N, C-alpha and C. Protein backbone atom coordinates (compact mmCIF):
# COMPACT_ATOMS: atom_id res chain seq x y z
N MET A 1 -27.51 43.45 82.96
CA MET A 1 -27.95 44.83 83.01
C MET A 1 -29.37 44.86 82.29
N PRO A 2 -30.42 45.36 82.91
CA PRO A 2 -31.79 45.44 82.38
C PRO A 2 -31.83 46.36 81.08
N LEU A 3 -32.62 46.07 80.20
CA LEU A 3 -32.80 46.87 78.99
C LEU A 3 -33.49 48.09 79.53
N THR A 4 -33.19 49.27 78.82
CA THR A 4 -33.76 50.39 79.12
C THR A 4 -34.76 50.84 77.89
N ASP A 5 -35.65 51.83 78.17
CA ASP A 5 -36.58 52.36 77.17
C ASP A 5 -35.77 52.93 75.99
N THR A 6 -34.68 53.60 76.30
CA THR A 6 -33.93 54.31 75.36
C THR A 6 -33.29 53.29 74.38
N ALA A 7 -32.70 52.16 75.08
CA ALA A 7 -32.18 51.24 74.22
C ALA A 7 -32.93 50.44 73.29
N LEU A 8 -34.22 50.20 73.83
CA LEU A 8 -35.23 49.62 72.89
C LEU A 8 -35.71 50.41 71.68
N ARG A 9 -35.85 51.79 72.10
CA ARG A 9 -36.31 52.73 71.01
C ARG A 9 -35.23 52.87 70.00
N ASN A 10 -33.87 52.86 70.33
CA ASN A 10 -32.85 52.97 69.38
C ASN A 10 -32.48 51.71 68.72
N ALA A 11 -32.99 50.61 68.97
CA ALA A 11 -32.77 49.34 68.36
C ALA A 11 -33.17 49.39 66.82
N LYS A 12 -32.17 49.30 65.91
CA LYS A 12 -32.55 49.21 64.47
C LYS A 12 -32.38 47.90 63.94
N PRO A 13 -33.10 47.71 62.77
CA PRO A 13 -33.10 46.40 62.13
C PRO A 13 -31.72 46.25 61.51
N ARG A 14 -31.28 44.92 61.35
CA ARG A 14 -30.03 44.68 60.79
C ARG A 14 -30.24 43.57 59.73
N ASP A 15 -29.18 43.01 59.07
CA ASP A 15 -29.33 42.07 58.06
C ASP A 15 -29.97 40.71 58.52
N ARG A 16 -29.88 40.45 59.84
CA ARG A 16 -30.45 39.24 60.47
C ARG A 16 -31.12 39.66 61.67
N ASP A 17 -31.98 38.75 62.04
CA ASP A 17 -32.65 38.99 63.45
C ASP A 17 -31.70 38.90 64.51
N TYR A 18 -31.88 39.65 65.60
CA TYR A 18 -30.91 39.64 66.71
C TYR A 18 -31.79 39.79 68.04
N LYS A 19 -31.09 39.36 69.13
CA LYS A 19 -31.81 39.47 70.50
C LYS A 19 -30.99 40.45 71.36
N MET A 20 -31.78 41.14 72.12
CA MET A 20 -31.23 42.11 73.15
C MET A 20 -31.78 41.50 74.56
N PHE A 21 -30.75 41.08 75.32
CA PHE A 21 -31.16 40.34 76.58
C PHE A 21 -31.44 41.31 77.72
N ASP A 22 -32.43 40.93 78.56
CA ASP A 22 -32.88 41.65 79.73
C ASP A 22 -32.42 41.03 81.01
N GLY A 23 -32.46 39.76 80.99
CA GLY A 23 -32.05 38.92 82.15
C GLY A 23 -33.06 37.79 82.40
N ASN A 24 -32.60 36.69 83.01
CA ASN A 24 -33.34 35.52 83.41
C ASN A 24 -34.08 34.98 82.19
N GLY A 25 -33.52 34.92 81.16
CA GLY A 25 -34.19 34.42 79.90
C GLY A 25 -35.06 35.38 79.17
N LEU A 26 -35.35 36.58 79.54
CA LEU A 26 -36.31 37.54 78.97
C LEU A 26 -35.38 38.24 77.96
N HIS A 27 -35.93 38.40 76.79
CA HIS A 27 -35.13 39.27 75.71
C HIS A 27 -36.11 39.79 74.67
N VAL A 28 -35.75 40.72 73.94
CA VAL A 28 -36.40 41.24 72.79
C VAL A 28 -35.79 40.77 71.60
N LEU A 29 -36.53 40.22 70.67
CA LEU A 29 -36.08 39.85 69.44
C LEU A 29 -36.45 41.05 68.33
N VAL A 30 -35.35 41.55 67.76
CA VAL A 30 -35.47 42.57 66.77
C VAL A 30 -35.41 41.91 65.37
N THR A 31 -36.39 42.02 64.61
CA THR A 31 -36.54 41.30 63.29
C THR A 31 -35.82 42.25 62.17
N ARG A 32 -35.68 41.55 61.00
CA ARG A 32 -35.17 42.37 59.93
C ARG A 32 -36.07 43.48 59.49
N SER A 33 -37.34 43.19 59.68
CA SER A 33 -38.34 44.20 59.23
C SER A 33 -38.65 45.32 60.23
N GLY A 34 -37.86 45.21 61.47
CA GLY A 34 -38.00 46.24 62.48
C GLY A 34 -38.86 46.03 63.58
N SER A 35 -39.54 44.81 63.52
CA SER A 35 -40.46 44.47 64.74
C SER A 35 -39.67 44.17 65.92
N LYS A 36 -40.25 44.50 67.14
CA LYS A 36 -39.56 44.19 68.29
C LYS A 36 -40.51 43.32 69.10
N LEU A 37 -40.14 42.02 69.45
CA LEU A 37 -41.00 41.11 70.10
C LEU A 37 -40.36 40.55 71.36
N TRP A 38 -41.07 40.62 72.51
CA TRP A 38 -40.57 40.22 73.75
C TRP A 38 -40.73 38.71 73.71
N ARG A 39 -39.69 38.02 74.11
CA ARG A 39 -39.64 36.57 74.17
C ARG A 39 -39.16 36.16 75.47
N MET A 40 -39.43 34.86 75.94
CA MET A 40 -38.92 34.29 77.12
C MET A 40 -38.38 32.84 76.73
N LYS A 41 -37.16 32.65 77.24
CA LYS A 41 -36.50 31.29 76.98
C LYS A 41 -36.54 30.61 78.34
N TYR A 42 -36.97 29.36 78.29
CA TYR A 42 -37.10 28.50 79.46
C TYR A 42 -36.77 27.14 79.33
N ARG A 43 -36.61 26.30 80.33
CA ARG A 43 -36.39 24.87 80.29
C ARG A 43 -37.56 24.21 80.84
N TYR A 44 -38.02 23.21 80.29
CA TYR A 44 -39.12 22.25 80.82
C TYR A 44 -38.69 20.80 80.58
N ARG A 45 -38.54 20.08 81.72
CA ARG A 45 -38.10 18.69 81.71
C ARG A 45 -36.72 18.59 80.79
N GLY A 46 -35.87 19.43 81.10
CA GLY A 46 -34.52 19.51 80.44
C GLY A 46 -34.47 19.80 79.05
N THR A 47 -35.64 20.27 78.44
CA THR A 47 -35.53 20.70 77.08
C THR A 47 -35.74 22.25 77.05
N ALA A 48 -34.97 22.97 76.21
CA ALA A 48 -35.12 24.35 76.09
C ALA A 48 -36.23 24.76 75.16
N HIS A 49 -37.07 25.73 75.60
CA HIS A 49 -38.21 26.29 74.87
C HIS A 49 -38.06 27.69 74.77
N GLU A 50 -38.79 28.40 73.84
CA GLU A 50 -38.96 29.75 73.72
C GLU A 50 -40.33 30.21 73.38
N SER A 51 -40.88 31.12 74.06
CA SER A 51 -42.22 31.56 73.81
C SER A 51 -42.30 33.05 73.83
């Protein structure tokens, strides 16, 4: 299920960083300080990467 604008706005910081998944490797990393960073997880030559 894709992330909605409301879900992202209501995401609050927790004791640890956590991810909210959007699909196909795309997710938002919510940090302890409250920052929200879009990230993409992918595989290249059999090795997992995240950018």
